């Protein structure tokens, strides 16, 4: 089954939702459950990053270490990483409840990144 959950095609980057081997995407499911205004705000951030290459406001997009970045809405976080071929892969999302990112969420993002890279190299991600 060919899956490619593209969130936004930009001039500089393509932003995609990560999906697992069963073609499930936790982050896309999370996005689909958001209120319309939150969806619009996140898509606007995608537009800025994918078309200009940078979001200058750290309150909206921030480096979290280990090659993981976060799109930041008021209470929602969408973790991602950059990949060759001008891709940004959105790995997971969660509701912010504390000032610091929960370690398990960052681990989920790192695990998704590792899985993505492994499946890309095996040429099985986009089948």
C-alpha atoms as a PDB file:
ATOM      1  CA  UNK A   1       0.000   0.000   0.000  1.00  0.00           C
ATOM      2  CA  UNK A   2       1.445   3.377  -0.985  1.00  0.00           C
ATOM      3  CA  UNK A   3       1.120   5.972   1.773  1.00  0.00           C
ATOM      4  CA  UNK A   4       2.363   9.502   1.675  1.00  0.00           C
ATOM      5  CA  UNK A   5       0.602  11.809   4.032  1.00  0.00           C
ATOM      6  CA  UNK A   6       1.669  15.197   2.739  1.00  0.00           C
ATOM      7  CA  UNK A   7       0.649  18.054   4.989  1.00  0.00           C
ATOM      8  CA  UNK A   8       2.049  20.817   2.792  1.00  0.00           C
ATOM      9  CA  UNK A   9       4.057  21.163  -0.436  1.00  0.00           C
ATOM     10  CA  UNK A  10       6.197  24.290  -0.119  1.00  0.00           C
ATOM     11  CA  UNK A  11       8.721  26.021  -2.332  1.00  0.00           C
ATOM     12  CA  UNK A  12      11.645  24.832  -0.186  1.00  0.00           C
ATOM     13  CA  UNK A  13      10.312  21.877   1.835  1.00  0.00           C
ATOM     14  CA  UNK A  14       7.612  19.245   1.728  1.00  0.00           C
ATOM     15  CA  UNK A  15       6.055  18.590   5.126  1.00  0.00           C
ATOM     16  CA  UNK A  16       4.722  15.072   5.729  1.00  0.00           C
ATOM     17  CA  UNK A  17       2.952  13.213   8.518  1.00  0.00           C
ATOM     18  CA  UNK A  18       4.925  10.167   9.730  1.00  0.00           C
ATOM     19  CA  UNK A  19       3.154   6.810   9.493  1.00  0.00           C
ATOM     20  CA  UNK A  20       4.101   3.385  10.833  1.00  0.00           C
ATOM     21  CA  UNK A  21       4.331   0.036   9.052  1.00  0.00           C
ATOM     22  CA  UNK A  22       0.564  -0.462   9.396  1.00  0.00           C
ATOM     23  CA  UNK A  23      -0.031   2.895   7.634  1.00  0.00           C
ATOM     24  CA  UNK A  24      -1.256   4.497  10.874  1.00  0.00           C
ATOM     25  CA  UNK A  25      -0.319   8.057  11.716  1.00  0.00           C
ATOM     26  CA  UNK A  26      -0.769   9.110  15.356  1.00  0.00           C
ATOM     27  CA  UNK A  27       0.150  12.677  14.488  1.00  0.00           C
ATOM     28  CA  UNK A  28      -2.336  12.931  11.614  1.00  0.00           C
ATOM     29  CA  UNK A  29      -5.080  11.503  13.835  1.00  0.00           C
ATOM     30  CA  UNK A  30      -4.180  14.095  16.485  1.00  0.00           C
ATOM     31  CA  UNK A  31      -4.263  16.888  13.908  1.00  0.00           C
ATOM     32  CA  UNK A  32      -7.653  15.767  12.577  1.00  0.00           C
ATOM     33  CA  UNK A  33      -9.145  16.029  16.091  1.00  0.00           C
ATOM     34  CA  UNK A  34      -8.002  19.637  16.580  1.00  0.00           C
ATOM     35  CA  UNK A  35     -10.407  22.546  16.405  1.00  0.00           C
ATOM     36  CA  UNK A  36     -10.500  24.323  13.052  1.00  0.00           C
ATOM     37  CA  UNK A  37      -8.669  27.427  14.326  1.00  0.00           C
ATOM     38  CA  UNK A  38      -5.785  25.320  15.704  1.00  0.00           C
ATOM     39  CA  UNK A  39      -5.502  23.445  12.413  1.00  0.00           C
ATOM     40  CA  UNK A  40      -5.331  26.750  10.570  1.00  0.00           C
ATOM     41  CA  UNK A  41      -2.581  28.062  12.876  1.00  0.00           C
ATOM     42  CA  UNK A  42      -0.488  24.915  12.433  1.00  0.00           C
ATOM     43  CA  UNK A  43      -0.933  24.918   8.654  1.00  0.00           C
ATOM     44  CA  UNK A  44       0.151  28.551   8.616  1.00  0.00           C
ATOM     45  CA  UNK A  45       3.362  27.568  10.438  1.00  0.00           C
ATOM     46  CA  UNK A  46       3.883  24.805   7.859  1.00  0.00           C
ATOM     47  CA  UNK A  47       3.413  27.356   5.094  1.00  0.00           C
ATOM     48  CA  UNK A  48       5.959  29.766   6.597  1.00  0.00           C
ATOM     49  CA  UNK A  49       8.622  27.091   7.128  1.00  0.00           C
ATOM     50  CA  UNK A  50       8.090  25.229   3.855  1.00  0.00           C
ATOM     51  CA  UNK A  51       7.993  28.368   1.707  1.00  0.00           C
ATOM     52  CA  UNK A  52      10.596  30.583   3.423  1.00  0.00           C
ATOM     53  CA  UNK A  53      12.835  28.008   5.108  1.00  0.00           C
ATOM     54  CA  UNK A  54      12.660  29.544   8.563  1.00  0.00           C
ATOM     55  CA  UNK A  55      10.357  30.439  11.431  1.00  0.00           C
ATOM     56  CA  UNK A  56      12.142  33.112  13.420  1.00  0.00           C
ATOM     57  CA  UNK A  57       9.848  33.036  16.446  1.00  0.00           C
ATOM     58  CA  UNK A  58      11.053  30.420  18.970  1.00  0.00           C
ATOM     59  CA  UNK A  59       7.632  30.547  20.594  1.00  0.00           C
ATOM     60  CA  UNK A  60       6.273  28.945  17.400  1.00  0.00           C
ATOM     61  CA  UNK A  61       9.106  26.643  16.257  1.00  0.00           C
ATOM     62  CA  UNK A  62      12.077  25.522  18.290  1.00  0.00           C
ATOM     63  CA  UNK A  63      15.043  23.158  18.208  1.00  0.00           C
ATOM     64  CA  UNK A  64      14.670  20.553  20.968  1.00  0.00           C
ATOM     65  CA  UNK A  65      18.008  18.749  20.558  1.00  0.00           C
ATOM     66  CA  UNK A  66      18.950  15.464  18.883  1.00  0.00           C
ATOM     67  CA  UNK A  67      17.795  16.836  15.488  1.00  0.00           C
ATOM     68  CA  UNK A  68      14.204  17.118  16.765  1.00  0.00           C
ATOM     69  CA  UNK A  69      12.194  20.324  16.358  1.00  0.00           C
ATOM     70  CA  UNK A  70       8.788  21.342  17.683  1.00  0.00           C
ATOM     71  CA  UNK A  71       5.973  23.298  16.099  1.00  0.00           C
ATOM     72  CA  UNK A  72       4.350  25.037  19.041  1.00  0.00           C
ATOM     73  CA  UNK A  73       0.734  26.025  19.325  1.00  0.00           C
ATOM     74  CA  UNK A  74      -0.533  27.371  22.650  1.00  0.00           C
ATOM     75  CA  UNK A  75      -0.990  23.967  24.280  1.00  0.00           C
ATOM     76  CA  UNK A  76      -0.119  21.535  21.491  1.00  0.00           C
ATOM     77  CA  UNK A  77       3.296  20.411  20.311  1.00  0.00           C
ATOM     78  CA  UNK A  78       4.103  18.725  16.998  1.00  0.00           C
ATOM     79  CA  UNK A  79       7.567  17.161  16.880  1.00  0.00           C
ATOM     80  CA  UNK A  80       9.468  16.762  13.640  1.00  0.00           C
ATOM     81  CA  UNK A  81      12.837  16.291  11.956  1.00  0.00           C
ATOM     82  CA  UNK A  82      14.405  17.373   8.684  1.00  0.00           C
ATOM     83  CA  UNK A  83      15.362  14.725   6.145  1.00  0.00           C
ATOM     84  CA  UNK A  84      17.292  14.779   2.888  1.00  0.00           C
ATOM     85  CA  UNK A  85      15.345  15.657  -0.196  1.00  0.00           C
ATOM     86  CA  UNK A  86      13.965  18.784   1.514  1.00  0.00           C
ATOM     87  CA  UNK A  87      11.499  16.878   3.670  1.00  0.00           C
ATOM     88  CA  UNK A  88      10.219  17.650   7.133  1.00  0.00           C
ATOM     89  CA  UNK A  89       8.602  14.662   8.822  1.00  0.00           C
ATOM     90  CA  UNK A  90       6.081  15.372  11.600  1.00  0.00           C
ATOM     91  CA  UNK A  91       6.434  12.414  13.966  1.00  0.00           C
ATOM     92  CA  UNK A  92       4.099  12.857  16.914  1.00  0.00           C
ATOM     93  CA  UNK A  93       1.986  15.350  18.811  1.00  0.00           C
ATOM     94  CA  UNK A  94       0.930  15.903  22.388  1.00  0.00           C
ATOM     95  CA  UNK A  95      -0.746  18.377  24.721  1.00  0.00           C
ATOM     96  CA  UNK A  96       1.752  20.458  26.651  1.00  0.00           C
ATOM     97  CA  UNK A  97       1.189  20.046  30.396  1.00  0.00           C
ATOM     98  CA  UNK A  98       4.514  21.190  31.869  1.00  0.00           C
ATOM     99  CA  UNK A  99       7.233  23.668  30.982  1.00  0.00           C
ATOM    100  CA  UNK A 100       9.568  20.921  29.792  1.00  0.00           C
ATOM    101  CA  UNK A 101       8.948  18.408  27.061  1.00  0.00           C
ATOM    102  CA  UNK A 102       8.116  14.964  28.481  1.00  0.00           C
ATOM    103  CA  UNK A 103      11.085  12.674  27.766  1.00  0.00           C
ATOM    104  CA  UNK A 104       8.746   9.973  26.416  1.00  0.00           C
ATOM    105  CA  UNK A 105       7.514  12.340  23.675  1.00  0.00           C
ATOM    106  CA  UNK A 106      11.030  13.117  22.525  1.00  0.00           C
ATOM    107  CA  UNK A 107      11.828   9.388  22.617  1.00  0.00           C
ATOM    108  CA  UNK A 108       8.757   8.716  20.450  1.00  0.00           C
ATOM    109  CA  UNK A 109      10.024  11.279  17.932  1.00  0.00           C
ATOM    110  CA  UNK A 110      13.521   9.767  17.914  1.00  0.00           C
ATOM    111  CA  UNK A 111      12.120   6.254  17.529  1.00  0.00           C
ATOM    112  CA  UNK A 112       9.908   7.393  14.634  1.00  0.00           C
ATOM    113  CA  UNK A 113      12.894   9.081  12.990  1.00  0.00           C
ATOM    114  CA  UNK A 114      14.975   5.927  13.326  1.00  0.00           C
ATOM    115  CA  UNK A 115      12.141   3.839  11.877  1.00  0.00           C
ATOM    116  CA  UNK A 116      11.619   6.292   9.014  1.00  0.00           C
ATOM    117  CA  UNK A 117      15.311   6.309   8.059  1.00  0.00           C
ATOM    118  CA  UNK A 118      15.488   2.507   8.247  1.00  0.00           C
ATOM    119  CA  UNK A 119      12.410   2.103   6.041  1.00  0.00           C
ATOM    120  CA  UNK A 120      13.637   4.741   3.549  1.00  0.00           C
ATOM    121  CA  UNK A 121      16.973   2.933   3.188  1.00  0.00           C
ATOM    122  CA  UNK A 122      15.129  -0.350   2.713  1.00  0.00           C
ATOM    123  CA  UNK A 123      12.908   1.401   0.130  1.00  0.00           C
ATOM    124  CA  UNK A 124       9.790   0.233   1.981  1.00  0.00           C
ATOM    125  CA  UNK A 125       8.404   3.503   3.371  1.00  0.00           C
ATOM    126  CA  UNK A 126       6.643   4.717   0.225  1.00  0.00           C
ATOM    127  CA  UNK A 127       5.356   1.361  -1.018  1.00  0.00           C
END
